[in-house]
Amino acid sequence: MGESAVLRLKHPQEELPKELLLLADPDWEQIGKYLDQSSWTVAELDGMIIGVCGLMPLEPAVAEIMNAAVDPAYQGKGYGKRLILSALEQARTDGYKKVIVRTGNSSLDQLGLYQKCGFRMIRIERDYFVNNYPEPIFENGIQCRDQVILECTFNI
């Protein structure tokens, strides 16, 4: 990331760019279920939000990364990794012992990114996207059918 790029927590009244949120989750109804339940870190470059990452509490010791997304014009430059690592640091600081993230079987770049950030695959929910999203999702020429769940644990 360049010197002018900043990671910061979202202000409570600040709107997140809908187009960014829809990159990671194409169903606005699903996004609405966690949007206000999560704390958000944004990547900002020259006053423009180019990336987002939410962290939602699930249990006292467990949080979930929600909707990590970077504007396509800025992908592949380390912004996504910094957002994920920032969310993990926030979770560790807040006393969580484990963070999970869920993604699709067809999200090949995201699966690689999460593993580079310390996540390990723990479970697959077959046909999750087929059963929970109104329209078929395709990425990398693959239908997104199954949800892959990964976790990162901390030795606190």
Protein backbone atom coordinates (compact mmCIF):
# COMPACT_ATOMS: atom_id res chain seq x y z
CA MET A 1 0.00 0.00 0.00
CA GLY A 2 1.24 3.47 -0.80
CA GLU A 3 2.02 6.09 1.81
CA SER A 4 -1.27 7.94 1.32
CA ALA A 5 -3.41 4.83 1.92
CA VAL A 6 -4.87 4.59 5.41
CA LEU A 7 -6.69 1.88 7.36
CA ARG A 8 -9.19 3.26 9.84
CA LEU A 9 -12.31 2.27 11.73
CA LYS A 10 -15.55 3.42 10.13
CA HIS A 11 -17.37 6.26 11.87
CA PRO A 12 -20.83 5.17 13.16
CA GLN A 13 -22.75 7.56 10.85
CA GLU A 14 -20.59 6.87 7.81
CA GLU A 15 -22.12 4.97 4.92
CA LEU A 16 -20.13 2.10 3.43
CA PRO A 17 -20.00 1.99 -0.39
CA LYS A 18 -22.74 -0.40 -1.46
CA GLU A 19 -20.82 -1.39 -4.60
CA LEU A 20 -17.88 -2.59 -2.47
CA LEU A 21 -20.11 -4.60 -0.14
CA LEU A 22 -21.80 -6.25 -3.13
CA LEU A 23 -18.40 -7.44 -4.43
CA ALA A 24 -18.04 -9.82 -1.49
CA ASP A 25 -21.72 -10.69 -1.09
CA PRO A 26 -24.00 -10.26 -4.13
CA ASP A 27 -27.23 -10.34 -2.06
CA TRP A 28 -28.11 -7.02 -0.37
CA GLU A 29 -30.63 -8.80 1.86
CA GLN A 30 -27.86 -11.02 3.27
CA ILE A 31 -25.61 -7.96 3.81
CA GLY A 32 -28.40 -6.28 5.75
CA LYS A 33 -28.31 -9.12 8.30
CA TYR A 34 -24.78 -8.22 9.48
CA LEU A 35 -24.16 -4.63 8.34
CA ASP A 36 -25.07 -2.97 11.64
CA GLN A 37 -23.89 -5.89 13.79
CA SER A 38 -20.27 -5.53 12.67
CA SER A 39 -17.45 -3.09 13.34
CA TRP A 40 -15.85 -2.03 10.06
CA THR A 41 -12.33 -1.20 9.00
CA VAL A 42 -11.96 0.72 5.75
CA ALA A 43 -9.01 1.24 3.44
CA GLU A 44 -9.00 4.82 2.27
CA LEU A 45 -6.87 6.27 -0.51
CA ASP A 46 -6.97 9.97 -1.39
CA GLY A 47 -10.27 10.38 0.50
CA MET A 48 -11.98 7.45 -1.26
CA ILE A 49 -12.92 4.18 0.43
CA ILE A 50 -11.35 1.44 -1.68
CA GLY A 51 -11.75 -1.50 0.71
CA VAL A 52 -13.88 -2.71 3.61
CA CYS A 53 -13.75 -5.49 6.18
CA GLY A 54 -16.28 -6.19 8.92
CA LEU A 55 -15.77 -7.99 12.22
CA MET A 56 -18.90 -9.35 13.89
CA PRO A 57 -19.04 -10.91 17.38
CA LEU A 58 -20.58 -14.39 17.39
CA GLU A 59 -19.84 -15.60 20.93
CA PRO A 60 -17.80 -14.12 23.78
CA ALA A 61 -14.60 -15.70 22.42
CA VAL A 62 -15.45 -15.93 18.69
CA ALA A 63 -15.80 -13.29 15.97
CA GLU A 64 -16.38 -13.56 12.24
CA ILE A 65 -14.87 -11.57 9.41
CA MET A 66 -17.71 -10.30 7.28
CA ASN A 67 -17.54 -8.96 3.76
CA ALA A 68 -13.86 -8.30 3.09
CA ALA A 69 -13.79 -6.48 -0.26
CA VAL A 70 -11.43 -4.28 -2.26
CA ASP A 71 -12.31 -2.23 -5.32
CA PRO A 72 -11.19 -4.22 -8.41
CA ALA A 73 -8.93 -1.33 -9.54
CA TYR A 74 -6.90 -1.78 -6.33
CA GLN A 75 -6.89 -5.56 -5.97
CA GLY A 76 -3.58 -7.40 -5.93
CA LYS A 77 -1.77 -4.53 -4.19
CA GLY A 78 -1.94 -5.79 -0.59
CA TYR A 79 -5.03 -3.88 0.55
CA GLY A 80 -7.09 -7.00 1.21
CA LYS A 81 -4.34 -8.63 3.22
CA ARG A 82 -3.87 -5.50 5.32
CA LEU A 83 -7.62 -5.31 5.98
CA ILE A 84 -7.76 -8.97 7.07
CA LEU A 85 -4.68 -8.64 9.28
CA SER A 86 -6.12 -5.47 10.81
CA ALA A 87 -9.38 -7.28 11.61
CA LEU A 88 -7.41 -10.12 13.20
CA GLU A 89 -5.43 -7.64 15.31
CA GLN A 90 -8.66 -5.94 16.37
CA ALA A 91 -10.12 -9.32 17.36
CA ARG A 92 -7.02 -10.24 19.34
CA THR A 93 -7.04 -6.85 21.11
CA ASP A 94 -10.74 -7.27 21.92
CA GLY A 95 -9.98 -10.63 23.57
CA TYR A 96 -11.37 -13.04 20.97
CA LYS A 97 -9.67 -16.42 20.89
CA LYS A 98 -10.87 -17.38 17.43
CA VAL A 99 -11.98 -15.66 14.22
CA ILE A 100 -13.83 -17.46 11.46
CA VAL A 101 -14.46 -16.46 7.86
CA ARG A 102 -16.82 -18.01 5.34
CA THR A 103 -16.34 -17.93 1.59
CA GLY A 104 -17.39 -19.80 -1.51
CA ASN A 105 -15.76 -22.83 -3.10
CA SER A 106 -15.24 -20.75 -6.26
CA SER A 107 -13.50 -17.85 -4.47
CA LEU A 108 -10.01 -19.10 -5.28
CA ASP A 109 -8.13 -15.85 -4.63
CA GLN A 110 -9.93 -15.32 -1.32
CA LEU A 111 -9.22 -18.88 -0.17
CA GLY A 112 -5.53 -18.28 -0.83
CA LEU A 113 -5.55 -14.89 0.89
CA TYR A 114 -7.22 -16.19 4.05
CA GLN A 115 -4.72 -19.04 4.32
CA LYS A 116 -1.81 -16.62 3.85
CA CYS A 117 -3.26 -14.63 6.77
CA GLY A 118 -3.22 -17.68 9.07
CA PHE A 119 -6.66 -19.21 8.53
CA ARG A 120 -7.20 -22.98 8.18
CA MET A 121 -10.16 -24.74 6.59
CA ILE A 122 -12.39 -26.43 9.15
CA ARG A 123 -15.66 -27.28 7.39
CA ILE A 124 -17.62 -27.20 4.14
CA GLU A 125 -21.37 -26.59 4.03
CA ARG A 126 -22.50 -28.26 0.84
CA ASP A 127 -24.97 -26.36 -1.38
CA TYR A 128 -25.08 -23.36 0.99
CA PHE A 129 -25.11 -20.80 -1.84
CA VAL A 130 -27.52 -22.81 -3.97
CA ASN A 131 -29.99 -22.97 -1.07
CA ASN A 132 -29.58 -19.44 0.33
CA TYR A 133 -29.10 -17.12 -2.66
CA PRO A 134 -31.81 -16.39 -5.24
CA GLU A 135 -29.49 -16.34 -8.28
CA PRO A 136 -26.61 -18.68 -9.18
CA ILE A 137 -23.14 -17.23 -8.52
CA PHE A 138 -20.19 -17.94 -10.80
CA GLU A 139 -16.53 -17.04 -10.15
CA ASN A 140 -13.46 -18.19 -12.03
CA GLY A 141 -15.69 -20.22 -14.33
CA ILE A 142 -16.95 -22.28 -11.34
CA GLN A 143 -20.43 -22.26 -9.83
CA CYS A 144 -20.33 -21.13 -6.22
CA ARG A 145 -22.24 -23.92 -4.50
CA ASP A 146 -20.51 -24.73 -1.23
CA GLN A 147 -19.50 -22.52 1.68
CA VAL A 148 -15.96 -23.04 2.97
CA ILE A 149 -15.45 -22.12 6.63
CA LEU A 150 -11.96 -21.21 7.83
CA GLU A 151 -10.69 -20.23 11.27
CA CYS A 152 -7.74 -18.49 12.82
CA THR A 153 -7.02 -19.10 16.51
CA PHE A 154 -4.92 -17.01 18.85
CA ASN A 155 -2.67 -18.21 21.66
CA ILE A 156 -3.59 -15.60 24.23
